[in-house]
Amino acid sequence: MNYDFLYEVGEDGIAHITLNRPEVMNALTFDIYAQLRDLFAGLRGDDEVRVVVLTGAGEHFCSGGDVHGIIGELFKRDMKGHLEFTRMTGAVVQHMRLLDKPIIASLNGMTAGAGAVLALASDLRLASEKARIAFLFSRVGLTGADMGAAHMLPRVIGMGRATELLMLGDTIDATTAERYGLVNRVVPHEELREATLQWARKLAQGPGFALSMTKHMLNAEQHMDIVSALEAEAQAQALMLMGEDHRLFYEAAKDKQKPKFTDR
């Protein structure tokens, strides 16, 4: 399939999605939203892909929706058309969170609006020292509750910080984002690609089934009380204890070898 962004899968099982409109800071279009939605949905059944890296071409990650290509066009639509659009953008995040593989967002520059939400919907976020992040929705007369931001952001950085970013719409630098817990790590700009690949390779070489179960439980337990969460984890871990990968780890450990996981 042809995409309006770059997509490639290496022999190491790492899928690279590179938003590729550097002349407009990798702004998103209607087509790109739809293509991302369909790609993330399809990756659930792609056994060749073990981890996904999402980044932007050039000097920036993503500036959000294209001002003229999307915002201008939406003024021509009625409420039904607006709802079709917002549900489509939400579906991108839904399929990212449901994907049974880790997603790493590699933030190489400006990460704003919908771009910030794409980063938030990823499982891990590495940022260049040049990265800046802004949830700009309130600055343009829209609610900060867009594409799941009001659901996800408080769970990542806490209600107070989330309220600050979603209501004020201020831009924060990479150091502040790391201090807030919004990004996992900040690295020198020239080291971002290699740092991202190191994490991606580590995940790709890891036990895929265990990583998938971990992501599933992180999602599911957000809505549980502690008693329900403990029981869910007990059942999940009991299942994993019966898995082939755990046995392979044990056999390799006895021989002082590195296990070769089978994702079972």
Protein backbone atom coordinates (compact mmCIF):
# COMPACT_ATOMS: atom_id res chain seq x y z
CA MET A 1 0.00 0.00 0.00
CA ASN A 2 1.14 3.54 -0.74
CA TYR A 3 1.27 5.95 2.19
CA ASP A 4 1.71 9.70 2.47
CA PHE A 5 4.51 8.97 4.96
CA LEU A 6 7.51 6.66 4.93
CA TYR A 7 7.00 3.11 6.15
CA GLU A 8 9.54 0.32 6.21
CA VAL A 9 10.14 -2.85 8.19
CA GLY A 10 13.67 -4.09 8.77
CA GLU A 11 14.82 -7.66 9.11
CA ASP A 12 15.15 -6.99 12.84
CA GLY A 13 11.37 -6.66 13.12
CA ILE A 14 11.44 -2.90 13.70
CA ALA A 15 8.81 -0.97 11.74
CA HIS A 16 9.68 2.66 11.04
CA ILE A 17 6.90 5.19 10.44
CA THR A 18 8.31 8.58 9.42
CA LEU A 19 5.91 11.45 8.90
CA ASN A 20 7.27 13.01 5.75
CA ARG A 21 6.08 16.56 5.14
CA PRO A 22 9.06 18.47 6.53
CA GLU A 23 8.14 21.62 4.61
CA VAL A 24 5.09 22.00 6.91
CA MET A 25 6.62 20.45 10.04
CA ASN A 26 5.05 17.09 9.14
CA ALA A 27 1.50 18.37 9.52
CA LEU A 28 -1.23 15.76 9.26
CA THR A 29 -3.85 15.58 6.51
CA PHE A 30 -7.17 13.75 6.27
CA ASP A 31 -5.46 11.03 4.26
CA ILE A 32 -2.56 10.65 6.70
CA TYR A 33 -4.94 10.25 9.63
CA ALA A 34 -6.85 7.55 7.76
CA GLN A 35 -3.66 5.81 6.65
CA LEU A 36 -2.24 5.78 10.18
CA ARG A 37 -5.52 4.39 11.49
CA ASP A 38 -5.52 1.57 8.96
CA LEU A 39 -1.81 0.84 9.35
CA PHE A 40 -1.93 0.52 13.14
CA ALA A 41 -5.06 -1.62 12.87
CA GLY A 42 -3.36 -3.93 10.37
CA LEU A 43 -0.17 -4.26 12.40
CA ARG A 44 -2.03 -6.29 15.02
CA GLY A 45 -1.90 -9.26 12.69
CA ASP A 46 1.60 -8.69 11.29
CA ASP A 47 3.97 -11.19 12.87
CA GLU A 48 6.98 -9.68 11.08
CA VAL A 49 6.71 -6.49 13.13
CA ARG A 50 7.85 -6.63 16.74
CA VAL A 51 8.16 -2.95 17.61
CA VAL A 52 7.17 0.34 15.94
CA VAL A 53 9.20 3.56 15.84
CA LEU A 54 7.29 6.75 15.03
CA THR A 55 9.19 9.92 14.12
CA GLY A 56 9.21 12.87 11.75
CA ALA A 57 11.38 13.76 8.78
CA GLY A 58 13.61 16.81 8.97
CA GLU A 59 13.81 19.00 12.04
CA HIS A 60 10.42 18.31 13.64
CA PHE A 61 8.20 15.46 14.81
CA CYS A 62 4.71 16.74 13.94
CA SER A 63 2.98 20.11 14.19
CA GLY A 64 -0.53 18.62 14.31
CA GLY A 65 -3.30 18.99 11.77
CA ASP A 66 -2.62 20.91 8.58
CA VAL A 67 -4.01 24.43 9.04
CA HIS A 68 -5.31 24.84 5.50
CA GLY A 69 -5.77 21.21 4.47
CA ILE A 70 -7.84 20.28 7.52
CA ILE A 71 -8.95 23.30 9.54
CA GLY A 72 -10.00 25.33 6.52
CA GLU A 73 -11.81 22.36 5.01
CA LEU A 74 -13.69 21.56 8.24
CA PHE A 75 -15.43 24.95 8.15
CA LYS A 76 -17.29 23.66 5.10
CA ARG A 77 -18.70 20.67 7.01
CA ASP A 78 -21.72 20.29 9.23
CA MET A 79 -21.83 18.63 12.66
CA LYS A 80 -22.05 15.16 11.15
CA GLY A 81 -18.93 15.81 9.08
CA HIS A 82 -17.07 17.15 12.08
CA LEU A 83 -17.98 14.09 14.13
CA GLU A 84 -16.83 11.76 11.37
CA PHE A 85 -13.46 13.51 11.44
CA THR A 86 -13.00 13.53 15.22
CA ARG A 87 -14.00 9.88 15.44
CA MET A 88 -11.46 9.03 12.74
CA THR A 89 -8.65 10.82 14.57
CA GLY A 90 -9.66 9.07 17.78
CA ALA A 91 -9.51 5.74 15.97
CA VAL A 92 -5.81 6.34 15.27
CA VAL A 93 -5.15 6.50 19.01
CA GLN A 94 -7.46 3.57 19.69
CA HIS A 95 -5.51 1.31 17.33
CA MET A 96 -2.18 2.52 18.74
CA ARG A 97 -3.26 1.60 22.25
CA LEU A 98 -4.76 -1.74 21.14
CA LEU A 99 -1.67 -2.69 19.14
CA ASP A 100 -0.03 -5.68 20.81
CA LYS A 101 3.46 -4.33 20.13
CA PRO A 102 5.47 -1.51 21.73
CA ILE A 103 5.44 1.88 20.01
CA ILE A 104 8.36 4.27 20.53
CA ALA A 105 7.90 7.95 19.67
CA SER A 106 11.21 9.56 18.72
CA LEU A 107 10.68 13.29 19.19
CA ASN A 108 13.18 15.19 17.07
CA GLY A 109 11.69 18.68 17.24
CA MET A 110 8.34 20.44 17.53
CA THR A 111 5.61 18.09 18.75
CA ALA A 112 2.33 19.96 18.83
CA GLY A 113 -1.43 19.46 18.80
CA ALA A 114 -2.33 16.11 17.32
CA GLY A 115 1.39 15.39 17.04
CA ALA A 116 1.66 15.66 20.82
CA VAL A 117 -1.24 13.23 21.18
CA LEU A 118 0.41 10.73 18.83
CA ALA A 119 3.49 10.90 21.04
CA LEU A 120 1.33 10.51 24.14
CA ALA A 121 -0.43 7.46 22.67
CA SER A 122 2.93 5.76 22.13
CA ASP A 123 4.29 3.47 24.84
CA LEU A 124 7.70 5.12 25.18
CA ARG A 125 8.91 8.61 24.29
CA LEU A 126 12.52 9.59 23.64
CA ALA A 127 13.21 13.25 22.98
CA SER A 128 16.01 15.24 21.44
CA GLU A 129 17.22 18.14 23.54
CA LYS A 130 15.73 20.29 20.77
CA ALA A 131 12.23 18.84 21.15
CA ARG A 132 9.34 21.02 22.25
CA ILE A 133 5.86 19.82 23.16
CA ALA A 134 2.57 21.72 23.13
CA PHE A 135 -1.06 20.68 23.44
CA LEU A 136 -2.30 23.72 21.55
CA PHE A 137 -6.02 22.98 21.29
CA SER A 138 -7.20 25.61 23.79
CA ARG A 139 -5.07 28.23 22.02
CA VAL A 140 -7.16 27.85 18.87
CA GLY A 141 -10.58 27.82 20.51
CA LEU A 142 -10.92 24.05 20.86
CA THR A 143 -11.17 21.79 23.88
CA GLY A 144 -7.98 20.22 25.16
CA ALA A 145 -9.96 16.99 25.28
CA ASP A 146 -9.05 15.75 21.80
CA MET A 147 -8.02 12.32 20.53
CA GLY A 148 -7.99 10.99 24.10
CA ALA A 149 -5.62 13.62 25.49
CA ALA A 150 -7.77 14.32 28.56
CA HIS A 151 -7.90 10.60 29.28
CA MET A 152 -4.25 9.72 28.73
CA LEU A 153 -2.32 12.80 29.87
CA PRO A 154 -3.42 12.77 33.56
CA ARG A 155 -2.44 9.11 33.75
CA VAL A 156 1.05 9.92 32.48
CA ILE A 157 1.87 13.17 34.30
CA GLY A 158 -0.90 13.63 36.88
CA MET A 159 -4.07 15.72 36.90
CA GLY A 160 -2.40 18.99 37.91
CA ARG A 161 0.21 18.99 35.16
CA ALA A 162 -2.30 17.72 32.60
CA THR A 163 -4.71 20.53 33.46
CA GLU A 164 -1.89 23.03 33.08
CA LEU A 165 -0.82 21.80 29.65
CA LEU A 166 -4.33 21.28 28.25
CA MET A 167 -5.77 24.58 29.52
CA LEU A 168 -2.84 26.94 29.04
CA GLY A 169 -1.61 25.34 25.82
CA ASP A 170 1.94 26.41 26.63
CA THR A 171 4.98 24.98 24.87
CA ILE A 172 7.42 23.13 27.11
CA ASP A 173 10.99 22.17 26.31
CA ALA A 174 12.42 18.66 26.47
CA THR A 175 13.94 19.11 29.92
CA THR A 176 10.59 20.19 31.36
CA ALA A 177 8.82 17.33 29.60
CA GLU A 178 11.24 14.88 31.18
CA ARG A 179 10.75 16.47 34.61
CA TYR A 180 6.98 16.18 34.20
CA GLY A 181 7.33 12.52 33.19
CA LEU A 182 5.95 13.19 29.71
CA VAL A 183 9.07 11.82 28.02
CA ASN A 184 11.11 8.90 29.28
CA ARG A 185 14.51 10.27 28.34
CA VAL A 186 16.15 13.30 26.75
CA VAL A 187 19.32 12.80 24.71
CA PRO A 188 21.61 15.07 22.65
CA HIS A 189 20.03 15.75 19.27
CA GLU A 190 22.69 13.89 17.30
CA GLU A 191 22.24 10.80 19.51
CA LEU A 192 18.45 10.52 19.24
CA ARG A 193 18.32 8.08 16.35
CA GLU A 194 20.81 5.65 17.90
CA ALA A 195 19.22 5.90 21.34
CA THR A 196 15.84 5.13 19.78
CA LEU A 197 17.24 2.17 17.86
CA GLN A 198 18.87 0.79 21.00
CA TRP A 199 15.52 0.67 22.76
CA ALA A 200 13.79 -0.68 19.66
CA ARG A 201 16.34 -3.47 19.22
CA LYS A 202 16.10 -4.40 22.89
CA LEU A 203 12.33 -4.68 22.63
CA ALA A 204 12.46 -6.50 19.29
CA GLN A 205 14.79 -9.11 20.77
CA GLY A 206 12.65 -9.53 23.87
CA PRO A 207 9.77 -11.92 24.59
CA GLY A 208 6.99 -10.60 22.36
CA PHE A 209 4.14 -12.36 24.15
CA ALA A 210 5.30 -11.06 27.53
CA LEU A 211 5.59 -7.51 26.19
CA SER A 212 2.15 -7.77 24.60
CA MET A 213 0.64 -8.98 27.87
CA THR A 214 2.38 -6.17 29.76
CA LYS A 215 0.90 -3.53 27.45
CA HIS A 216 -2.53 -5.16 27.67
CA MET A 217 -2.45 -5.14 31.46
CA LEU A 218 -1.22 -1.54 31.63
CA ASN A 219 -4.24 -0.55 29.56
CA ALA A 220 -6.75 -2.76 31.37
CA GLU A 221 -5.71 -1.95 34.92
CA GLN A 222 -6.30 1.78 34.51
CA HIS A 223 -9.99 1.07 35.12
CA MET A 224 -9.62 -1.43 37.99
CA ASP A 225 -9.53 -1.12 41.74
CA ILE A 226 -6.54 -2.69 43.51
CA VAL A 227 -8.36 -5.93 44.36
CA SER A 228 -9.45 -6.45 40.75
CA ALA A 229 -5.98 -5.53 39.49
CA LEU A 230 -4.28 -8.01 41.80
CA GLU A 231 -6.56 -10.81 40.64
CA ALA A 232 -6.09 -9.87 36.97
CA GLU A 233 -2.31 -9.87 37.42
CA ALA A 234 -2.42 -13.19 39.24
CA GLN A 235 -4.26 -14.78 36.33
CA ALA A 236 -2.04 -13.12 33.72
CA GLN A 237 1.17 -14.18 35.45
CA ALA A 238 -0.11 -17.72 35.97
CA LEU A 239 -0.63 -17.90 32.22
CA MET A 240 2.84 -16.53 31.53
CA LEU A 241 4.43 -19.01 33.96
CA MET A 242 3.13 -21.75 31.67
CA GLY A 243 4.62 -20.11 28.58
CA GLU A 244 7.43 -21.48 26.47
CA ASP A 245 9.43 -18.25 26.72
CA HIS A 246 9.63 -18.49 30.50
CA ARG A 247 10.81 -22.09 30.25
CA LEU A 248 13.39 -21.08 27.63
CA PHE A 249 14.67 -18.41 30.01
CA TYR A 250 15.01 -20.99 32.77
CA GLU A 251 16.84 -23.51 30.58
CA ALA A 252 19.17 -20.82 29.22
CA ALA A 253 19.87 -19.50 32.71
CA LYS A 254 20.92 -22.96 33.88
CA ASP A 255 23.42 -23.12 31.03
CA LYS A 256 24.44 -19.47 31.51
CA GLN A 257 23.22 -18.68 27.99
CA LYS A 258 21.02 -15.94 26.55
CA PRO A 259 17.48 -17.20 25.80
CA LYS A 260 16.07 -17.16 22.27
CA PHE A 261 12.42 -16.32 22.76
CA THR A 262 9.65 -17.75 20.56
CA ASP A 263 6.80 -15.41 21.62
CA ARG A 264 4.87 -18.30 23.16
